[in-house]
Amino acid sequence: ALSALVLAFPYDVPPAVPPAIALLARHSALSPAADAIVRHTFTDFKRTHADMWERQRDLFEREQLDAFNDIMVSPDYFC
């Protein structure tokens, strides 16, 4: 349901979306299936909001934006 809420506004960020993104990010660690759904949702969100992202990211609180970025940025592994 939260994924549907995030994806329901492909070119806009209503007030309910940033908290939904943060909640999805927290639940991505529950299982591999949950992680796949969250990553797919965030990838689609990023794609549809790319043109206006410079303005729209200001609608997120720092913690919400960090949660989104933590999922979207692949970790670097060093040997």
Protein backbone atom coordinates (compact mmCIF):
# COMPACT_ATOMS: atom_id res chain seq x y z
CA ALA A 1 0.00 0.00 0.00
CA LEU A 2 2.83 2.41 0.78
CA SER A 3 4.47 1.66 -2.56
CA ALA A 4 1.20 2.48 -4.30
CA LEU A 5 1.00 5.78 -2.41
CA VAL A 6 4.55 6.75 -3.40
CA LEU A 7 3.98 5.83 -7.05
CA ALA A 8 0.51 7.41 -7.26
CA PHE A 9 2.04 10.86 -7.82
CA PRO A 10 4.61 10.40 -10.58
CA TYR A 11 5.53 14.06 -10.97
CA ASP A 12 4.54 15.55 -7.63
CA VAL A 13 5.45 15.08 -3.96
CA PRO A 14 2.40 15.58 -1.75
CA PRO A 15 3.00 15.80 2.02
CA ALA A 16 2.22 12.10 2.61
CA VAL A 17 4.97 10.82 0.30
CA PRO A 18 8.17 11.68 2.23
CA PRO A 19 7.02 9.91 5.43
CA ALA A 20 5.88 6.94 3.33
CA ILE A 21 9.31 6.74 1.72
CA ALA A 22 11.02 6.80 5.13
CA LEU A 23 8.72 4.05 6.41
CA LEU A 24 9.34 1.90 3.34
CA ALA A 25 13.09 2.34 3.78
CA ARG A 26 12.88 1.13 7.39
CA HIS A 27 10.94 -1.97 6.32
CA SER A 28 13.26 -2.91 3.46
CA ALA A 29 15.36 -5.00 5.84
CA LEU A 30 12.47 -7.27 6.82
CA SER A 31 13.01 -9.74 4.00
CA PRO A 32 14.55 -10.04 0.54
CA ALA A 33 11.06 -9.66 -0.97
CA ALA A 34 10.42 -6.44 0.97
CA ASP A 35 13.82 -5.11 -0.09
CA ALA A 36 13.06 -5.86 -3.74
CA ILE A 37 9.71 -4.06 -3.55
CA VAL A 38 11.25 -1.02 -1.85
CA ARG A 39 14.11 -0.82 -4.35
CA HIS A 40 11.70 -1.11 -7.28
CA THR A 41 9.45 1.59 -5.80
CA PHE A 42 12.35 3.93 -5.12
CA THR A 43 13.83 3.38 -8.59
CA ASP A 44 10.51 4.25 -10.22
CA PHE A 45 10.08 7.25 -7.93
CA LYS A 46 13.57 8.52 -8.75
CA ARG A 47 12.97 8.09 -12.49
CA THR A 48 9.65 9.96 -12.51
CA HIS A 49 10.90 12.78 -10.29
CA ALA A 50 14.32 13.32 -11.90
CA ASP A 51 13.35 16.48 -13.79
CA MET A 52 12.16 18.38 -10.71
CA TRP A 53 14.29 16.66 -8.04
CA GLU A 54 16.34 19.76 -7.20
CA ARG A 55 13.15 21.48 -5.98
CA GLN A 56 11.28 18.43 -4.71
CA ARG A 57 14.02 17.17 -2.42
CA ASP A 58 13.45 20.27 -0.30
CA LEU A 59 10.05 18.77 0.61
CA PHE A 60 11.83 16.00 2.54
CA GLU A 61 13.19 16.23 6.05
CA ARG A 62 16.86 15.31 6.33
CA GLU A 63 16.12 11.90 7.89
CA GLN A 64 13.62 11.06 5.14
CA LEU A 65 16.08 12.00 2.42
CA ASP A 66 18.84 10.01 4.13
CA ALA A 67 16.58 6.94 4.30
CA PHE A 68 15.81 7.26 0.58
CA ASN A 69 19.47 7.71 -0.33
CA ASP A 70 20.57 4.79 1.86
CA ILE A 71 18.42 2.48 -0.26
CA MET A 72 19.29 4.06 -3.61
CA VAL A 73 23.06 4.26 -3.17
CA SER A 74 24.92 0.98 -3.45
CA PRO A 75 27.46 0.50 -0.68
CA ASP A 76 31.14 0.41 -1.58
CA TYR A 77 32.99 -2.70 -0.58
CA PHE A 78 36.67 -2.54 0.12
CA CYS A 79 38.88 -5.58 0.53
